[in-house]
Amino acid sequence: MNPLQIAILQIISDNDGEFSWYQIDRALSRRGTGGGSASGNLLSILRELEMAGLVAARAGHHAAQPLYSVTPAGQQQLGR
């Protein structure tokens, strides 16, 4: 896993919740880990993490903004 993928897993996991890609992007910006310029790739990274079984997505309030949560496999990847 690359540092950005790990940061995304940590953001979702640390906040004990489900996050939209927009919330993840804002958190990455606050951490200085990416955001903004990385947001174009953020959705593809989230899809990769989902396909790897590390995050799960469910429909949010808006169909275009699924909410992501870390799966048990994702927690294990983080060493938790």
N, C-alpha and C. Protein backbone atom coordinates (compact mmCIF):
# COMPACT_ATOMS: atom_id res chain seq x y z
N MET A 1 0.85 -1.19 0.00
CA MET A 1 0.00 0.00 0.00
C MET A 1 0.88 1.24 0.00
N ASN A 2 0.40 2.25 -0.69
CA ASN A 2 1.17 3.50 -0.72
C ASN A 2 0.73 4.41 0.43
N PRO A 3 1.51 5.45 0.73
CA PRO A 3 1.20 6.32 1.87
C PRO A 3 -0.18 6.97 1.80
N LEU A 4 -0.63 7.32 0.60
CA LEU A 4 -1.94 7.95 0.48
C LEU A 4 -3.06 6.97 0.82
N GLN A 5 -2.92 5.72 0.40
CA GLN A 5 -3.92 4.71 0.73
C GLN A 5 -3.97 4.49 2.24
N ILE A 6 -2.82 4.43 2.86
CA ILE A 6 -2.76 4.26 4.32
C ILE A 6 -3.39 5.45 5.02
N ALA A 7 -3.10 6.66 4.56
CA ALA A 7 -3.67 7.87 5.16
C ALA A 7 -5.19 7.85 5.06
N ILE A 8 -5.71 7.42 3.93
CA ILE A 8 -7.16 7.36 3.75
C ILE A 8 -7.78 6.36 4.73
N LEU A 9 -7.18 5.18 4.85
CA LEU A 9 -7.68 4.20 5.81
C LEU A 9 -7.64 4.75 7.23
N GLN A 10 -6.55 5.43 7.58
CA GLN A 10 -6.40 5.98 8.93
C GLN A 10 -7.45 7.04 9.20
N ILE A 11 -7.70 7.91 8.23
CA ILE A 11 -8.70 8.97 8.42
C ILE A 11 -10.06 8.37 8.72
N ILE A 12 -10.46 7.41 7.93
CA ILE A 12 -11.78 6.80 8.14
C ILE A 12 -11.81 6.06 9.47
N SER A 13 -10.78 5.30 9.76
CA SER A 13 -10.72 4.50 10.97
C SER A 13 -10.65 5.37 12.23
N ASP A 14 -9.82 6.41 12.20
CA ASP A 14 -9.63 7.26 13.37
C ASP A 14 -10.90 8.00 13.77
N ASN A 15 -11.77 8.21 12.83
CA ASN A 15 -12.98 8.97 13.12
C ASN A 15 -14.19 8.09 13.41
N ASP A 16 -13.98 6.78 13.48
CA ASP A 16 -15.04 5.85 13.86
C ASP A 16 -16.35 6.11 13.12
N GLY A 17 -16.23 6.43 11.86
CA GLY A 17 -17.46 6.71 11.15
C GLY A 17 -17.36 6.41 9.69
N GLU A 18 -18.36 6.86 9.02
CA GLU A 18 -18.41 6.70 7.58
C GLU A 18 -18.20 8.07 6.98
N PHE A 19 -17.36 8.10 5.96
CA PHE A 19 -16.99 9.37 5.36
C PHE A 19 -17.27 9.36 3.87
N SER A 20 -17.72 10.50 3.37
CA SER A 20 -17.85 10.67 1.93
C SER A 20 -16.46 11.02 1.38
N TRP A 21 -16.31 10.92 0.07
CA TRP A 21 -15.01 11.24 -0.53
C TRP A 21 -14.66 12.70 -0.23
N TYR A 22 -15.67 13.58 -0.16
CA TYR A 22 -15.42 14.99 0.12
C TYR A 22 -14.85 15.18 1.52
N GLN A 23 -15.40 14.48 2.51
CA GLN A 23 -14.89 14.58 3.87
C GLN A 23 -13.47 14.03 3.96
N ILE A 24 -13.21 12.95 3.24
CA ILE A 24 -11.86 12.38 3.22
C ILE A 24 -10.89 13.36 2.59
N ASP A 25 -11.30 13.99 1.48
CA ASP A 25 -10.46 14.97 0.80
C ASP A 25 -10.12 16.13 1.72
N ARG A 26 -11.11 16.62 2.45
CA ARG A 26 -10.87 17.72 3.40
C ARG A 26 -9.91 17.30 4.50
N ALA A 27 -10.07 16.09 5.02
CA ALA A 27 -9.18 15.60 6.07
C ALA A 27 -7.76 15.44 5.55
N LEU A 28 -7.61 14.98 4.32
CA LEU A 28 -6.27 14.86 3.72
C LEU A 28 -5.63 16.24 3.60
N SER A 29 -6.40 17.23 3.21
CA SER A 29 -5.89 18.60 3.09
C SER A 29 -5.42 19.12 4.44
N ARG A 30 -6.23 18.88 5.48
CA ARG A 30 -5.85 19.34 6.83
C ARG A 30 -4.57 18.67 7.31
N ARG A 31 -4.39 17.42 6.95
CA ARG A 31 -3.18 16.68 7.36
C ARG A 31 -1.97 17.02 6.50
N GLY A 32 -2.21 17.70 5.40
CA GLY A 32 -1.12 18.00 4.49
C GLY A 32 -0.67 16.76 3.72
N THR A 33 -1.58 15.79 3.61
CA THR A 33 -1.26 14.52 2.97
C THR A 33 -1.65 14.51 1.51
N GLY A 34 -2.35 15.49 1.09
CA GLY A 34 -2.84 15.50 -0.28
C GLY A 34 -4.03 16.40 -0.36
N GLY A 35 -5.17 15.83 -0.66
CA GLY A 35 -6.35 16.64 -0.83
C GLY A 35 -6.16 17.56 -2.02
N GLY A 36 -7.13 18.32 -2.34
CA GLY A 36 -7.02 19.25 -3.45
C GLY A 36 -6.49 18.60 -4.70
N SER A 37 -5.18 18.59 -4.85
CA SER A 37 -4.58 18.02 -6.06
C SER A 37 -4.77 16.51 -6.13
N ALA A 38 -4.89 15.87 -4.98
CA ALA A 38 -5.05 14.41 -4.96
C ALA A 38 -6.51 14.00 -5.16
N SER A 39 -7.43 14.97 -5.06
CA SER A 39 -8.84 14.60 -5.09
C SER A 39 -9.27 13.99 -6.41
N GLY A 40 -8.60 14.34 -7.50
CA GLY A 40 -8.92 13.71 -8.77
C GLY A 40 -8.67 12.23 -8.74
N ASN A 41 -7.70 11.82 -7.99
CA ASN A 41 -7.37 10.41 -7.85
C ASN A 41 -8.08 9.76 -6.67
N LEU A 42 -8.67 10.54 -5.81
CA LEU A 42 -9.24 10.01 -4.58
C LEU A 42 -10.33 8.97 -4.86
N LEU A 43 -11.22 9.27 -5.78
CA LEU A 43 -12.29 8.31 -6.07
C LEU A 43 -11.73 7.00 -6.61
N SER A 44 -10.71 7.07 -7.45
CA SER A 44 -10.13 5.83 -7.97
C SER A 44 -9.40 5.07 -6.87
N ILE A 45 -8.77 5.77 -5.95
CA ILE A 45 -8.10 5.11 -4.83
C ILE A 45 -9.14 4.44 -3.93
N LEU A 46 -10.25 5.13 -3.68
CA LEU A 46 -11.31 4.54 -2.87
C LEU A 46 -11.88 3.29 -3.54
N ARG A 47 -12.03 3.34 -4.85
CA ARG A 47 -12.51 2.15 -5.57
C ARG A 47 -11.51 1.00 -5.44
N GLU A 48 -10.22 1.31 -5.55
CA GLU A 48 -9.19 0.27 -5.39
C GLU A 48 -9.25 -0.34 -4.00
N LEU A 49 -9.38 0.51 -2.98
CA LEU A 49 -9.47 0.02 -1.60
C LEU A 49 -10.73 -0.84 -1.41
N GLU A 50 -11.80 -0.43 -2.06
CA GLU A 50 -13.04 -1.21 -1.96
C GLU A 50 -12.87 -2.56 -2.65
N MET A 51 -12.28 -2.57 -3.82
CA MET A 51 -12.08 -3.84 -4.55
C MET A 51 -11.13 -4.77 -3.80
N ALA A 52 -10.20 -4.20 -3.03
CA ALA A 52 -9.28 -4.99 -2.23
C ALA A 52 -9.92 -5.46 -0.93
N GLY A 53 -11.15 -5.00 -0.67
CA GLY A 53 -11.85 -5.42 0.54
C GLY A 53 -11.43 -4.67 1.79
N LEU A 54 -10.76 -3.51 1.62
CA LEU A 54 -10.27 -2.75 2.77
C LEU A 54 -11.24 -1.67 3.23
N VAL A 55 -12.10 -1.23 2.34
CA VAL A 55 -13.17 -0.30 2.70
C VAL A 55 -14.47 -0.82 2.10
N ALA A 56 -15.56 -0.40 2.70
CA ALA A 56 -16.89 -0.73 2.17
C ALA A 56 -17.60 0.59 1.91
N ALA A 57 -18.40 0.61 0.87
CA ALA A 57 -19.18 1.80 0.53
C ALA A 57 -20.65 1.47 0.63
N ARG A 58 -21.40 2.43 1.11
CA ARG A 58 -22.85 2.29 1.13
C ARG A 58 -23.44 3.62 0.69
N ALA A 59 -24.66 3.57 0.24
CA ALA A 59 -25.32 4.77 -0.23
C ALA A 59 -25.44 5.79 0.89
N GLY A 60 -25.12 7.02 0.56
CA GLY A 60 -25.27 8.10 1.51
C GLY A 60 -26.55 8.87 1.24
N HIS A 61 -26.61 10.10 1.72
CA HIS A 61 -27.78 10.93 1.50
C HIS A 61 -27.94 11.28 0.03
N HIS A 62 -26.81 11.36 -0.66
CA HIS A 62 -26.81 11.63 -2.09
C HIS A 62 -26.24 10.42 -2.81
N ALA A 63 -26.89 9.98 -3.85
CA ALA A 63 -26.44 8.78 -4.57
C ALA A 63 -25.02 8.93 -5.09
N ALA A 64 -24.63 10.16 -5.43
CA ALA A 64 -23.29 10.38 -5.98
C ALA A 64 -22.22 10.43 -4.89
N GLN A 65 -22.62 10.38 -3.63
CA GLN A 65 -21.65 10.44 -2.54
C GLN A 65 -21.81 9.27 -1.60
N PRO A 66 -21.27 8.11 -1.97
CA PRO A 66 -21.34 6.99 -1.03
C PRO A 66 -20.51 7.28 0.22
N LEU A 67 -20.84 6.60 1.28
CA LEU A 67 -20.10 6.73 2.53
C LEU A 67 -19.20 5.51 2.66
N TYR A 68 -17.96 5.75 3.04
CA TYR A 68 -16.95 4.69 3.13
C TYR A 68 -16.63 4.40 4.59
N SER A 69 -16.47 3.12 4.87
CA SER A 69 -16.05 2.68 6.21
C SER A 69 -14.95 1.64 6.03
N VAL A 70 -14.12 1.51 7.05
CA VAL A 70 -13.02 0.55 7.01
C VAL A 70 -13.54 -0.82 7.41
N THR A 71 -13.21 -1.82 6.64
CA THR A 71 -13.62 -3.20 6.93
C THR A 71 -12.66 -3.82 7.94
N PRO A 72 -13.00 -4.97 8.49
CA PRO A 72 -12.05 -5.66 9.37
C PRO A 72 -10.71 -5.92 8.68
N ALA A 73 -10.73 -6.23 7.39
CA ALA A 73 -9.47 -6.44 6.66
C ALA A 73 -8.67 -5.14 6.59
N GLY A 74 -9.37 -4.02 6.44
CA GLY A 74 -8.69 -2.73 6.44
C GLY A 74 -8.09 -2.40 7.79
N GLN A 75 -8.82 -2.73 8.86
CA GLN A 75 -8.28 -2.53 10.22
C GLN A 75 -7.04 -3.37 10.43
N GLN A 76 -7.09 -4.61 9.93
CA GLN A 76 -5.94 -5.49 10.06
C GLN A 76 -4.74 -4.91 9.30
N GLN A 77 -4.99 -4.36 8.12
CA GLN A 77 -3.92 -3.73 7.34
C GLN A 77 -3.27 -2.58 8.12
N LEU A 78 -4.07 -1.90 8.91
CA LEU A 78 -3.55 -0.81 9.74
C LEU A 78 -2.90 -1.31 11.03
N GLY A 79 -2.99 -2.60 11.27
CA GLY A 79 -2.39 -3.17 12.48
C GLY A 79 -3.24 -2.95 13.70
N ARG A 80 -4.54 -2.86 13.51
CA ARG A 80 -5.44 -2.61 14.66
C ARG A 80 -6.27 -3.82 14.95
